PDB file of all heavy atoms in Angstrom:
ATOM      1  N   GLY A   1      58.268  39.270 142.409  1.00  0.00           N
ATOM      2  CA  GLY A   1      58.181  37.981 141.875  1.00  0.00           C
ATOM      3  C   GLY A   1      59.421  37.473 141.186  1.00  0.00           C
ATOM      4  O   GLY A   1      60.225  38.303 140.744  1.00  0.00           O
ATOM      5  N   PRO A   2      59.681  36.157 141.044  1.00  0.00           N
ATOM      6  CA  PRO A   2      60.863  35.630 140.414  1.00  0.00           C
ATOM      7  C   PRO A   2      60.813  35.748 138.877  1.00  0.00           C
ATOM      8  O   PRO A   2      59.740  35.634 138.302  1.00  0.00           O
ATOM      9  CB  PRO A   2      60.879  34.170 140.894  1.00  0.00           C
ATOM     10  CG  PRO A   2      59.426  33.867 141.015  1.00  0.00           C
ATOM     11  CD  PRO A   2      58.779  35.115 141.541  1.00  0.00           C
ATOM     12  N   GLY A   3      61.985  35.973 138.288  1.00  0.00           N
ATOM     13  CA  GLY A   3      62.023  35.802 136.821  1.00  0.00           C
ATOM     14  C   GLY A   3      61.757  34.382 136.430  1.00  0.00           C
ATOM     15  O   GLY A   3      62.170  33.464 137.173  1.00  0.00           O
ATOM     16  N   THR A   4      61.164  34.177 135.278  1.00  0.00           N
ATOM     17  CA  THR A   4      60.845  32.821 134.772  1.00  0.00           C
ATOM     18  C   THR A   4      61.536  32.590 133.414  1.00  0.00           C
ATOM     19  O   THR A   4      62.068  33.517 132.869  1.00  0.00           O
ATOM     20  CB  THR A   4      59.295  32.683 134.634  1.00  0.00           C
ATOM     21  OG1 THR A   4      58.867  33.190 133.364  1.00  0.00           O
ATOM     22  CG2 THR A   4      58.500  33.363 135.721  1.00  0.00           C
ATOM     23  N   PRO A   5      61.436  31.389 132.902  1.00  0.00           N
ATOM     24  CA  PRO A   5      62.031  31.107 131.511  1.00  0.00           C
ATOM     25  C   PRO A   5      61.377  31.942 130.433  1.00  0.00           C
ATOM     26  O   PRO A   5      61.954  32.007 129.324  1.00  0.00           O
ATOM     27  CB  PRO A   5      61.867  29.639 131.411  1.00  0.00           C
ATOM     28  CG  PRO A   5      61.628  29.116 132.719  1.00  0.00           C
ATOM     29  CD  PRO A   5      60.931  30.122 133.471  1.00  0.00           C
ATOM     30  N   VAL A   6      60.167  32.489 130.700  1.00  0.00           N
ATOM     31  CA  VAL A   6      59.462  33.106 129.586  1.00  0.00           C
ATOM     32  C   VAL A   6      58.910  34.507 129.919  1.00  0.00           C
ATOM     33  O   VAL A   6      58.337  35.137 129.032  1.00  0.00           O
ATOM     34  CB  VAL A   6      58.221  32.239 129.109  1.00  0.00           C
ATOM     35  CG1 VAL A   6      58.732  30.892 128.567  1.00  0.00           C
ATOM     36  CG2 VAL A   6      57.280  31.974 130.275  1.00  0.00           C
ATOM     37  N   SER A   7      59.103  34.973 131.181  1.00  0.00           N
ATOM     38  CA  SER A   7      58.485  36.242 131.551  1.00  0.00           C
ATOM     39  C   SER A   7      59.204  36.870 132.735  1.00  0.00           C
ATOM     40  O   SER A   7      59.939  36.229 133.483  1.00  0.00           O
ATOM     41  CB  SER A   7      56.964  36.064 131.965  1.00  0.00           C
ATOM     42  OG  SER A   7      56.876  35.306 133.043  1.00  0.00           O
ATOM     43  N   ASP A   8      58.991  38.144 132.864  1.00  0.00           N
ATOM     44  CA  ASP A   8      59.483  38.866 134.024  1.00  0.00           C
ATOM     45  C   ASP A   8      58.686  38.524 135.313  1.00  0.00           C
ATOM     46  O   ASP A   8      57.584  37.967 135.209  1.00  0.00           O
ATOM     47  CB  ASP A   8      59.395  40.444 133.855  1.00  0.00           C
ATOM     48  CG  ASP A   8      60.295  40.918 132.680  1.00  0.00           C
ATOM     49  OD1 ASP A   8      61.337  40.246 132.408  1.00  0.00           O
ATOM     50  OD2 ASP A   8      60.034  42.003 132.108  1.00  0.00           O
ATOM     51  N   GLY A   9      59.241  38.836 136.465  1.00  0.00           N
ATOM     52  CA  GLY A   9      58.558  38.531 137.644  1.00  0.00           C
ATOM     53  C   GLY A   9      57.273  39.335 137.847  1.00  0.00           C
ATOM     54  O   GLY A   9      57.088  40.415 137.277  1.00  0.00           O
ATOM     55  N   TRP A  10      56.415  38.877 138.734  1.00  0.00           N
ATOM     56  CA  TRP A  10      55.098  39.459 138.934  1.00  0.00           C
ATOM     57  C   TRP A  10      55.186  40.534 140.006  1.00  0.00           C
ATOM     58  O   TRP A  10      55.714  40.314 141.173  1.00  0.00           O
ATOM     59  CB  TRP A  10      54.209  38.284 139.454  1.00  0.00           C
ATOM     60  CG  TRP A  10      52.753  38.525 139.435  1.00  0.00           C
ATOM     61  CD1 TRP A  10      52.066  39.687 139.263  1.00  0.00           C
ATOM     62  CD2 TRP A  10      51.742  37.547 139.629  1.00  0.00           C
ATOM     63  NE1 TRP A  10      50.717  39.491 139.357  1.00  0.00           N
ATOM     64  CE2 TRP A  10      50.449  38.208 139.603  1.00  0.00           C
ATOM     65  CE3 TRP A  10      51.724  36.194 139.919  1.00  0.00           C
ATOM     66  CZ2 TRP A  10      49.289  37.518 139.714  1.00  0.00           C
ATOM     67  CZ3 TRP A  10      50.604  35.526 140.043  1.00  0.00           C
ATOM     68  CH2 TRP A  10      49.321  36.153 139.921  1.00  0.00           C
ATOM     69  N   LEU A  11      54.746  41.720 139.701  1.00  0.00           N
ATOM     70  CA  LEU A  11      54.908  42.877 140.608  1.00  0.00           C
ATOM     71  C   LEU A  11      54.087  42.727 141.875  1.00  0.00           C
ATOM     72  O   LEU A  11      54.524  43.052 142.946  1.00  0.00           O
ATOM     73  CB  LEU A  11      54.448  44.166 139.889  1.00  0.00           C
ATOM     74  CG  LEU A  11      54.561  45.457 140.657  1.00  0.00           C
ATOM     75  CD1 LEU A  11      56.039  45.775 140.987  1.00  0.00           C
ATOM     76  CD2 LEU A  11      53.955  46.666 139.952  1.00  0.00           C
ATOM     77  N   THR A  12      52.919  42.153 141.832  1.00  0.00           N
ATOM     78  CA  THR A  12      52.076  41.985 142.991  1.00  0.00           C
ATOM     79  C   THR A  12      52.140  40.561 143.549  1.00  0.00           C
ATOM     80  O   THR A  12      51.140  39.992 144.040  1.00  0.00           O
ATOM     81  CB  THR A  12      50.568  42.327 142.672  1.00  0.00           C
ATOM     82  OG1 THR A  12      50.166  41.542 141.543  1.00  0.00           O
ATOM     83  CG2 THR A  12      50.441  43.767 142.337  1.00  0.00           C
ATOM     84  N   TYR A  13      53.324  40.047 143.528  1.00  0.00           N
ATOM     85  CA  TYR A  13      53.617  38.651 143.890  1.00  0.00           C
ATOM     86  C   TYR A  13      53.325  38.336 145.414  1.00  0.00           C
ATOM     87  O   TYR A  13      52.799  37.263 145.733  1.00  0.00           O
ATOM     88  CB  TYR A  13      55.036  38.353 143.609  1.00  0.00           C
ATOM     89  CG  TYR A  13      55.669  37.041 143.998  1.00  0.00           C
ATOM     90  CD1 TYR A  13      55.360  35.858 143.318  1.00  0.00           C
ATOM     91  CD2 TYR A  13      56.651  37.013 144.978  1.00  0.00           C
ATOM     92  CE1 TYR A  13      55.956  34.666 143.684  1.00  0.00           C
ATOM     93  CE2 TYR A  13      57.311  35.796 145.370  1.00  0.00           C
ATOM     94  CZ  TYR A  13      56.954  34.675 144.647  1.00  0.00           C
ATOM     95  OH  TYR A  13      57.518  33.502 144.975  1.00  0.00           O
ATOM     96  N   GLY A  14      53.594  39.316 146.305  1.00  0.00           N
ATOM     97  CA  GLY A  14      53.401  39.080 147.690  1.00  0.00           C
ATOM     98  C   GLY A  14      54.705  38.506 148.235  1.00  0.00           C
ATOM     99  O   GLY A  14      55.749  39.185 148.329  1.00  0.00           O
ATOM    100  N   ILE A  15      54.664  37.299 148.635  1.00  0.00           N
ATOM    101  CA  ILE A  15      55.897  36.440 148.993  1.00  0.00           C
ATOM    102  C   ILE A  15      55.642  35.034 148.416  1.00  0.00           C
ATOM    103  O   ILE A  15      54.572  34.686 148.017  1.00  0.00           O
ATOM    104  CB  ILE A  15      56.079  36.393 150.565  1.00  0.00           C
ATOM    105  CG1 ILE A  15      54.781  36.053 151.254  1.00  0.00           C
ATOM    106  CG2 ILE A  15      56.599  37.771 151.037  1.00  0.00           C
ATOM    107  CD1 ILE A  15      54.882  35.918 152.799  1.00  0.00           C
ATOM    108  N   PRO A  16      56.696  34.164 148.472  1.00  0.00           N
ATOM    109  CA  PRO A  16      56.537  32.859 147.831  1.00  0.00           C
ATOM    110  C   PRO A  16      55.356  32.042 148.219  1.00  0.00           C
ATOM    111  O   PRO A  16      54.726  31.387 147.449  1.00  0.00           O
ATOM    112  CB  PRO A  16      57.914  32.196 148.093  1.00  0.00           C
ATOM    113  CG  PRO A  16      58.845  33.309 148.206  1.00  0.00           C
ATOM    114  CD  PRO A  16      58.065  34.466 148.823  1.00  0.00           C
ATOM    115  N   VAL A  17      55.093  32.042 149.600  1.00  0.00           N
ATOM    116  CA  VAL A  17      53.966  31.231 150.081  1.00  0.00           C
ATOM    117  C   VAL A  17      52.577  31.770 149.593  1.00  0.00           C
ATOM    118  O   VAL A  17      51.568  31.078 149.673  1.00  0.00           O
ATOM    119  CB  VAL A  17      53.912  31.105 151.580  1.00  0.00           C
ATOM    120  CG1 VAL A  17      55.190  30.404 152.112  1.00  0.00           C
ATOM    121  CG2 VAL A  17      53.802  32.461 152.257  1.00  0.00           C
ATOM    122  N   VAL A  18      52.536  33.003 149.132  1.00  0.00           N
ATOM    123  CA  VAL A  18      51.372  33.650 148.676  1.00  0.00           C
ATOM    124  C   VAL A  18      51.279  33.477 147.155  1.00  0.00           C
ATOM    125  O   VAL A  18      50.173  33.168 146.573  1.00  0.00           O
ATOM    126  CB  VAL A  18      51.360  35.124 148.993  1.00  0.00           C
ATOM    127  CG1 VAL A  18      50.208  35.850 148.252  1.00  0.00           C
ATOM    128  CG2 VAL A  18      51.194  35.296 150.467  1.00  0.00           C
ATOM    129  N   GLY A  19      52.297  33.631 146.399  1.00  0.00           N
ATOM    130  CA  GLY A  19      52.396  33.418 144.916  1.00  0.00           C
ATOM    131  C   GLY A  19      51.372  34.246 144.199  1.00  0.00           C
ATOM    132  O   GLY A  19      50.771  33.826 143.208  1.00  0.00           O
ATOM    133  N   GLY A  20      51.059  35.520 144.652  1.00  0.00           N
ATOM    134  CA  GLY A  20      50.159  36.381 143.946  1.00  0.00           C
ATOM    135  C   GLY A  20      48.720  36.142 144.186  1.00  0.00           C
ATOM    136  O   GLY A  20      47.834  36.768 143.536  1.00  0.00           O
ATOM    137  N   LEU A  21      48.362  35.227 145.123  1.00  0.00           N
ATOM    138  CA  LEU A  21      46.927  34.862 145.289  1.00  0.00           C
ATOM    139  C   LEU A  21      46.264  35.672 146.375  1.00  0.00           C
ATOM    140  O   LEU A  21      45.028  35.642 146.385  1.00  0.00           O
ATOM    141  CB  LEU A  21      46.842  33.389 145.599  1.00  0.00           C
ATOM    142  CG  LEU A  21      47.130  32.408 144.459  1.00  0.00           C
ATOM    143  CD1 LEU A  21      47.274  30.986 144.931  1.00  0.00           C
ATOM    144  CD2 LEU A  21      45.954  32.437 143.445  1.00  0.00           C
ATOM    145  N   MET A  22      46.999  36.420 147.162  1.00  0.00           N
ATOM    146  CA  MET A  22      46.356  37.259 148.082  1.00  0.00           C
ATOM    147  C   MET A  22      46.080  38.688 147.497  1.00  0.00           C
ATOM    148  O   MET A  22      46.575  38.931 146.438  1.00  0.00           O
ATOM    149  CB  MET A  22      47.179  37.464 149.398  1.00  0.00           C
ATOM    150  CG  MET A  22      47.046  36.299 150.352  1.00  0.00           C
ATOM    151  SD  MET A  22      48.198  36.429 151.739  1.00  0.00           S
ATOM    152  CE  MET A  22      47.779  37.963 152.466  1.00  0.00           C
ATOM    153  N   TYR A  23      45.253  39.440 148.150  1.00  0.00           N
ATOM    154  CA  TYR A  23      45.080  40.867 147.733  1.00  0.00           C
ATOM    155  C   TYR A  23      46.044  41.688 148.504  1.00  0.00           C
ATOM    156  O   TYR A  23      46.686  41.229 149.471  1.00  0.00           O
ATOM    157  CB  TYR A  23      43.620  41.315 148.000  1.00  0.00           C
ATOM    158  CG  TYR A  23      42.558  40.582 147.283  1.00  0.00           C
ATOM    159  CD1 TYR A  23      41.239  40.595 147.637  1.00  0.00           C
ATOM    160  CD2 TYR A  23      42.853  39.869 146.139  1.00  0.00           C
ATOM    161  CE1 TYR A  23      40.215  39.943 147.018  1.00  0.00           C
ATOM    162  CE2 TYR A  23      41.804  39.212 145.446  1.00  0.00           C
ATOM    163  CZ  TYR A  23      40.526  39.250 145.897  1.00  0.00           C
ATOM    164  OH  TYR A  23      39.548  38.621 145.209  1.00  0.00           O
ATOM    165  N   ARG A  24      46.254  42.900 148.056  1.00  0.00           N
ATOM    166  CA  ARG A  24      46.993  43.880 148.845  1.00  0.00           C
ATOM    167  C   ARG A  24      46.016  44.922 149.344  1.00  0.00           C
ATOM    168  O   ARG A  24      45.099  45.338 148.703  1.00  0.00           O
ATOM    169  CB  ARG A  24      48.007  44.582 147.902  1.00  0.00           C
ATOM    170  CG  ARG A  24      48.907  45.529 148.573  1.00  0.00           C
ATOM    171  CD  ARG A  24      49.968  46.152 147.645  1.00  0.00           C
ATOM    172  NE  ARG A  24      49.308  46.866 146.542  1.00  0.00           N
ATOM    173  CZ  ARG A  24      48.734  48.077 146.666  1.00  0.00           C
ATOM    174  NH1 ARG A  24      48.796  48.706 147.817  1.00  0.00           N
ATOM    175  NH2 ARG A  24      48.267  48.651 145.585  1.00  0.00           N
ATOM    176  N   ASP A  25      46.279  45.280 150.633  1.00  0.00           N
ATOM    177  CA  ASP A  25      45.346  46.239 151.287  1.00  0.00           C
ATOM    178  C   ASP A  25      45.189  47.526 150.495  1.00  0.00           C
ATOM    179  O   ASP A  25      46.109  48.008 149.770  1.00  0.00           O
ATOM    180  CB  ASP A  25      45.919  46.671 152.684  1.00  0.00           C
ATOM    181  CG  ASP A  25      45.833  45.572 153.728  1.00  0.00           C
ATOM    182  OD1 ASP A  25      45.342  44.477 153.387  1.00  0.00           O
ATOM    183  OD2 ASP A  25      46.317  45.784 154.832  1.00  0.00           O
ATOM    184  N   SER A  26      44.115  48.201 150.646  1.00  0.00           N
ATOM    185  CA  SER A  26      43.880  49.543 150.203  1.00  0.00           C
ATOM    186  C   SER A  26      44.407  50.516 151.255  1.00  0.00           C
ATOM    187  O   SER A  26      44.046  50.428 152.455  1.00  0.00           O
ATOM    188  CB  SER A  26      42.448  49.842 149.941  1.00  0.00           C
ATOM    189  OG  SER A  26      42.166  51.211 149.932  1.00  0.00           O
ATOM    190  N   VAL A  27      45.252  51.399 150.845  1.00  0.00           N
ATOM    191  CA  VAL A  27      45.786  52.450 151.741  1.00  0.00           C
ATOM    192  C   VAL A  27      44.590  53.211 152.399  1.00  0.00           C
ATOM    193  O   VAL A  27      44.582  53.413 153.659  1.00  0.00           O
ATOM    194  CB  VAL A  27      46.694  53.440 150.989  1.00  0.00           C
ATOM    195  CG1 VAL A  27      46.952  54.617 151.893  1.00  0.00           C
ATOM    196  CG2 VAL A  27      48.028  52.771 150.648  1.00  0.00           C
ATOM    197  N   GLU A  28      43.642  53.578 151.614  1.00  0.00           N
ATOM    198  CA  GLU A  28      42.578  54.424 152.115  1.00  0.00           C
ATOM    199  C   GLU A  28      41.685  53.647 153.116  1.00  0.00           C
ATOM    200  O   GLU A  28      41.257  54.139 154.146  1.00  0.00           O
ATOM    201  CB  GLU A  28      41.671  54.909 150.949  1.00  0.00           C
ATOM    202  CG  GLU A  28      42.330  55.936 150.072  1.00  0.00           C
ATOM    203  CD  GLU A  28      43.347  55.284 149.009  1.00  0.00           C
ATOM    204  OE1 GLU A  28      43.353  54.036 148.915  1.00  0.00           O
ATOM    205  OE2 GLU A  28      44.071  56.006 148.360  1.00  0.00           O
ATOM    206  N   ILE A  29      41.470  52.315 152.840  1.00  0.00           N
ATOM    207  CA  ILE A  29      40.634  51.604 153.715  1.00  0.00           C
ATOM    208  C   ILE A  29      41.383  51.302 155.057  1.00  0.00           C
ATOM    209  O   ILE A  29      40.833  51.343 156.151  1.00  0.00           O
ATOM    210  CB  ILE A  29      40.200  50.251 153.020  1.00  0.00           C
ATOM    211  CG1 ILE A  29      39.141  50.519 151.930  1.00  0.00           C
ATOM    212  CG2 ILE A  29      39.632  49.292 154.093  1.00  0.00           C
ATOM    213  CD1 ILE A  29      38.734  49.385 151.209  1.00  0.00           C
ATOM    214  N   ASP A  30      42.652  51.011 154.945  1.00  0.00           N
ATOM    215  CA  ASP A  30      43.476  50.817 156.150  1.00  0.00           C
ATOM    216  C   ASP A  30      43.451  52.065 157.006  1.00  0.00           C
ATOM    217  O   ASP A  30      43.362  52.030 158.256  1.00  0.00           O
ATOM    218  CB  ASP A  30      44.939  50.396 155.826  1.00  0.00           C
ATOM    219  CG  ASP A  30      45.066  48.912 155.575  1.00  0.00           C
ATOM    220  OD1 ASP A  30      44.070  48.194 155.756  1.00  0.00           O
ATOM    221  OD2 ASP A  30      46.118  48.505 155.133  1.00  0.00           O
ATOM    222  N   GLU A  31      43.463  53.243 156.364  1.00  0.00           N
ATOM    223  CA  GLU A  31      43.478  54.537 157.142  1.00  0.00           C
ATOM    224  C   GLU A  31      42.082  54.752 157.740  1.00  0.00           C
ATOM    225  O   GLU A  31      41.934  55.384 158.796  1.00  0.00           O
ATOM    226  CB  GLU A  31      43.873  55.661 156.240  1.00  0.00           C
ATOM    227  CG  GLU A  31      45.355  55.733 155.880  1.00  0.00           C
ATOM    228  CD  GLU A  31      45.735  56.907 155.083  1.00  0.00           C
ATOM    229  OE1 GLU A  31      44.910  57.398 154.314  1.00  0.00           O
ATOM    230  OE2 GLU A  31      46.944  57.179 155.064  1.00  0.00           O
ATOM    231  N   LEU A  32      41.027  54.256 157.131  1.00  0.00           N
ATOM    232  CA  LEU A  32      39.711  54.344 157.658  1.00  0.00           C
ATOM    233  C   LEU A  32      39.531  53.425 158.855  1.00  0.00           C
ATOM    234  O   LEU A  32      38.939  53.800 159.854  1.00  0.00           O
ATOM    235  CB  LEU A  32      38.622  54.076 156.652  1.00  0.00           C
ATOM    236  CG  LEU A  32      38.397  55.159 155.603  1.00  0.00           C
ATOM    237  CD1 LEU A  32      37.473  54.644 154.461  1.00  0.00           C
ATOM    238  CD2 LEU A  32      37.777  56.371 156.223  1.00  0.00           C
ATOM    239  N   LYS A  33      40.001  52.205 158.757  1.00  0.00           N
ATOM    240  CA  LYS A  33      39.883  51.191 159.702  1.00  0.00           C
ATOM    241  C   LYS A  33      40.687  51.500 161.005  1.00  0.00           C
ATOM    242  O   LYS A  33      40.254  51.135 162.131  1.00  0.00           O
ATOM    243  CB  LYS A  33      40.157  49.754 159.198  1.00  0.00           C
ATOM    244  CG  LYS A  33      39.114  49.184 158.334  1.00  0.00           C
ATOM    245  CD  LYS A  33      39.534  47.806 157.843  1.00  0.00           C
ATOM    246  CE  LYS A  33      38.410  47.088 157.126  1.00  0.00           C
ATOM    247  NZ  LYS A  33      37.383  46.612 158.103  1.00  0.00           N
ATOM    248  N   HIS A  34      41.887  51.936 160.850  1.00  0.00           N
ATOM    249  CA  HIS A  34      42.838  52.074 161.929  1.00  0.00           C
ATOM    250  C   HIS A  34      43.464  53.500 161.965  1.00  0.00           C
ATOM    251  O   HIS A  34      43.536  54.125 160.910  1.00  0.00           O
ATOM    252  CB  HIS A  34      43.933  51.053 161.793  1.00  0.00           C
ATOM    253  CG  HIS A  34      43.362  49.683 161.697  1.00  0.00           C
ATOM    254  ND1 HIS A  34      42.663  48.996 162.620  1.00  0.00           N
ATOM    255  CD2 HIS A  34      43.480  48.754 160.633  1.00  0.00           C
ATOM    256  CE1 HIS A  34      42.338  47.790 162.202  1.00  0.00           C
ATOM    257  NE2 HIS A  34      42.818  47.674 161.031  1.00  0.00           N
ATOM    258  N   PRO A  35      43.936  53.947 163.155  1.00  0.00           N
ATOM    259  CA  PRO A  35      44.551  55.316 163.203  1.00  0.00           C
ATOM    260  C   PRO A  35      45.968  55.338 162.668  1.00  0.00           C
ATOM    261  O   PRO A  35      46.875  55.624 163.407  1.00  0.00           O
ATOM    262  CB  PRO A  35      44.428  55.590 164.673  1.00  0.00           C
ATOM    263  CG  PRO A  35      44.608  54.279 165.322  1.00  0.00           C
ATOM    264  CD  PRO A  35      43.872  53.325 164.389  1.00  0.00           C
ATOM    265  N   VAL A  36      46.093  54.962 161.401  1.00  0.00           N
ATOM    266  CA  VAL A  36      47.415  54.968 160.787  1.00  0.00           C
ATOM    267  C   VAL A  36      47.420  55.889 159.558  1.00  0.00           C
ATOM    268  O   VAL A  36      46.401  56.097 158.897  1.00  0.00           O
ATOM    269  CB  VAL A  36      47.783  53.514 160.273  1.00  0.00           C
ATOM    270  CG1 VAL A  36      46.684  53.017 159.306  1.00  0.00           C
ATOM    271  CG2 VAL A  36      49.128  53.452 159.611  1.00  0.00           C
ATOM    272  N   GLU A  37      48.577  56.509 159.296  1.00  0.00           N
ATOM    273  CA  GLU A  37      48.692  57.426 158.162  1.00  0.00           C
ATOM    274  C   GLU A  37      49.876  57.025 157.316  1.00  0.00           C
ATOM    275  O   GLU A  37      50.979  56.864 157.830  1.00  0.00           O
ATOM    276  CB  GLU A  37      48.893  58.892 158.668  1.00  0.00           C
ATOM    277  CG  GLU A  37      49.000  59.886 157.491  1.00  0.00           C
ATOM    278  CD  GLU A  37      49.154  61.325 158.045  1.00  0.00           C
ATOM    279  OE1 GLU A  37      49.701  61.491 159.150  1.00  0.00           O
ATOM    280  OE2 GLU A  37      48.690  62.212 157.341  1.00  0.00           O
ATOM    281  N   PHE A  38      49.573  56.779 156.041  1.00  0.00           N
ATOM    282  CA  PHE A  38      50.666  56.379 155.108  1.00  0.00           C
ATOM    283  C   PHE A  38      51.290  57.654 154.417  1.00  0.00           C
ATOM    284  O   PHE A  38      50.533  58.456 153.845  1.00  0.00           O
ATOM    285  CB  PHE A  38      50.111  55.457 154.087  1.00  0.00           C
ATOM    286  CG  PHE A  38      49.796  54.088 154.614  1.00  0.00           C
ATOM    287  CD1 PHE A  38      48.481  53.783 155.097  1.00  0.00           C
ATOM    288  CD2 PHE A  38      50.686  53.056 154.686  1.00  0.00           C
ATOM    289  CE1 PHE A  38      48.145  52.578 155.690  1.00  0.00           C
ATOM    290  CE2 PHE A  38      50.422  51.801 155.169  1.00  0.00           C
ATOM    291  CZ  PHE A  38      49.094  51.601 155.681  1.00  0.00           C
ATOM    292  N   LYS A  39      52.597  57.683 154.497  1.00  0.00           N
ATOM    293  CA  LYS A  39      53.322  58.789 153.821  1.00  0.00           C
ATOM    294  C   LYS A  39      53.420  58.517 152.363  1.00  0.00           C
ATOM    295  O   LYS A  39      53.247  59.344 151.467  1.00  0.00           O
ATOM    296  CB  LYS A  39      54.664  59.040 154.489  1.00  0.00           C
ATOM    297  CG  LYS A  39      55.415  60.192 153.872  1.00  0.00           C
ATOM    298  CD  LYS A  39      56.684  60.411 154.674  1.00  0.00           C
ATOM    299  CE  LYS A  39      57.481  61.611 154.147  1.00  0.00           C
ATOM    300  NZ  LYS A  39      58.723  61.797 154.925  1.00  0.00           N
ATOM    301  N   TYR A  40      53.823  57.265 152.006  1.00  0.00           N
ATOM    302  CA  TYR A  40      53.899  56.852 150.587  1.00  0.00           C
ATOM    303  C   TYR A  40      53.892  55.325 150.493  1.00  0.00           C
ATOM    304  O   TYR A  40      54.197  54.609 151.466  1.00  0.00           O
ATOM    305  CB  TYR A  40      55.173  57.415 149.925  1.00  0.00           C
ATOM    306  CG  TYR A  40      56.462  57.029 150.535  1.00  0.00           C
ATOM    307  CD1 TYR A  40      57.005  55.770 150.289  1.00  0.00           C
ATOM    308  CD2 TYR A  40      57.190  57.953 151.284  1.00  0.00           C
ATOM    309  CE1 TYR A  40      58.247  55.458 150.833  1.00  0.00           C
ATOM    310  CE2 TYR A  40      58.442  57.608 151.858  1.00  0.00           C
ATOM    311  CZ  TYR A  40      58.983  56.314 151.636  1.00  0.00           C
ATOM    312  OH  TYR A  40      60.183  55.956 152.142  1.00  0.00           O
ATOM    313  N   LEU A  41      53.608  54.890 149.334  1.00  0.00           N
ATOM    314  CA  LEU A  41      53.734  53.479 148.882  1.00  0.00           C
ATOM    315  C   LEU A  41      54.133  53.500 147.481  1.00  0.00           C
ATOM    316  O   LEU A  41      53.385  54.016 146.618  1.00  0.00           O
ATOM    317  CB  LEU A  41      52.372  52.651 149.065  1.00  0.00           C
ATOM    318  CG  LEU A  41      52.353  51.258 148.557  1.00  0.00           C
ATOM    319  CD1 LEU A  41      53.287  50.398 149.364  1.00  0.00           C
ATOM    320  CD2 LEU A  41      50.989  50.718 148.583  1.00  0.00           C
TER     321      LEU A  41
END
């Protein structure tokens, strides 16, 4: 997220069109739903 006049940027910002309002997937749920394996996040 962008720096502001009063605070640091938001870590879970997403992208500008999202502005922090979406959720972020769960690694574990994505691995249950689909045949994908995450090495790290």
